[in-house]
Amino acid sequence: MKIAINDEKRFRMAATAILLVISLLALFPMLLLVVASFTDENELITHGYQLLPAKFSLEAYRYMVRQAPTIVRAYLVTIGTTVIGTLASVALTTSLAYPMARKNFPFRNALSFFVYFTMLFNGGLVPQYVMWTTMFHIRNTYAALIVPNLLLSAFNVFLVRNYYTNSLPEALFEAAQLDGATEMQIFKKVVIPLSKPVVATIALFTGLSYWNNWTNALYFVQDPKYFGIQNLLMRIMRNVEYLRSGASEMAAEGVVASLPGNSIRMALAFVGILPILIIYPMMQKYFIKGVVVGAVKG
């Protein structure tokens, strides 16, 4: 018994050491990103990326401060899109997965096949663009940032369905029905409260997708007031590269010759990912349980 305990202790210590090394390696690129955003542009060009800035500079963040009104608006657009899209997606996903998980639902197999079919086949980008712009007229609207591609994921539906099947016993539904509860009451008062891990998991997946999404605005939005933070950061980066390339009279006159390009890129990436770094630790306690239980085949 003592030998087994010692072996388990050594295994835990070794596993902890390995995971610590992996965690440090995962944090290393983020550290380089932050340091580079505070490094002078010429130093980045001359010496490359370093763990300690050879010459400290705030020029990248000064440039972003000058763009503050536009960046704040883009942040509000992205936050609103992420919140509304995530809530709508979670509501649709959990409600669609519920009848697929109920054994007494007569069309559960047909519905499951229909959802699974969408994982394998789609009409392609051009038919989607024509459908959304000519039939639903979502161009240059906030709906263009929410509805296409992200509102409902077949993978998330099956993840939730498997969680319902594996974690919620059928006797629980039967007991609620014996108490006179309707299907809607069972879903709202029994299923959802007991499904917090998987709901938090798909909310995290969906929220990350909405926050990092830039393709919807690229395809369906031309008005800058609908740009989210990712599209705005791409636009700012293109503007910086344009000015630095000497393609304008200002660059030719040296007005923006010292404008930092690489450090601005790093600063923009850090600003874009910062909210995710804040929110993710809060959701982590639900994340592992929701993925492991929901991924088990039902």
Foldseek 3Di string as FASTA:
>chain_A
DVVVVVVVVVVVVVVVVVVVVVVVVVCVVVLQLVQLLQEAQVCCVVPNTDNHHPHGHNLLVVVVVVVVVLLVLQAVLLVVLLVVLLVLLLVVLLVLLVLLLDPPNPCNVVSLVVLVVVVPDDDDDVVVLCCCCVVVNCFAHSVLLRPPPQNYHSVLSLLNNLLCNQPPDPVVVVVCVVVVDDPVCCSVPPVVVVQVLQSLQSSLVSSVCSLQDDVSCVRRYDDSSNHHLNVVLVVVLVVLCCLCVVVDVCSVVVVCVSRRRSSNNSVSVCVSCVVVVVCVVVSVVSNVVSNVSSVPDD
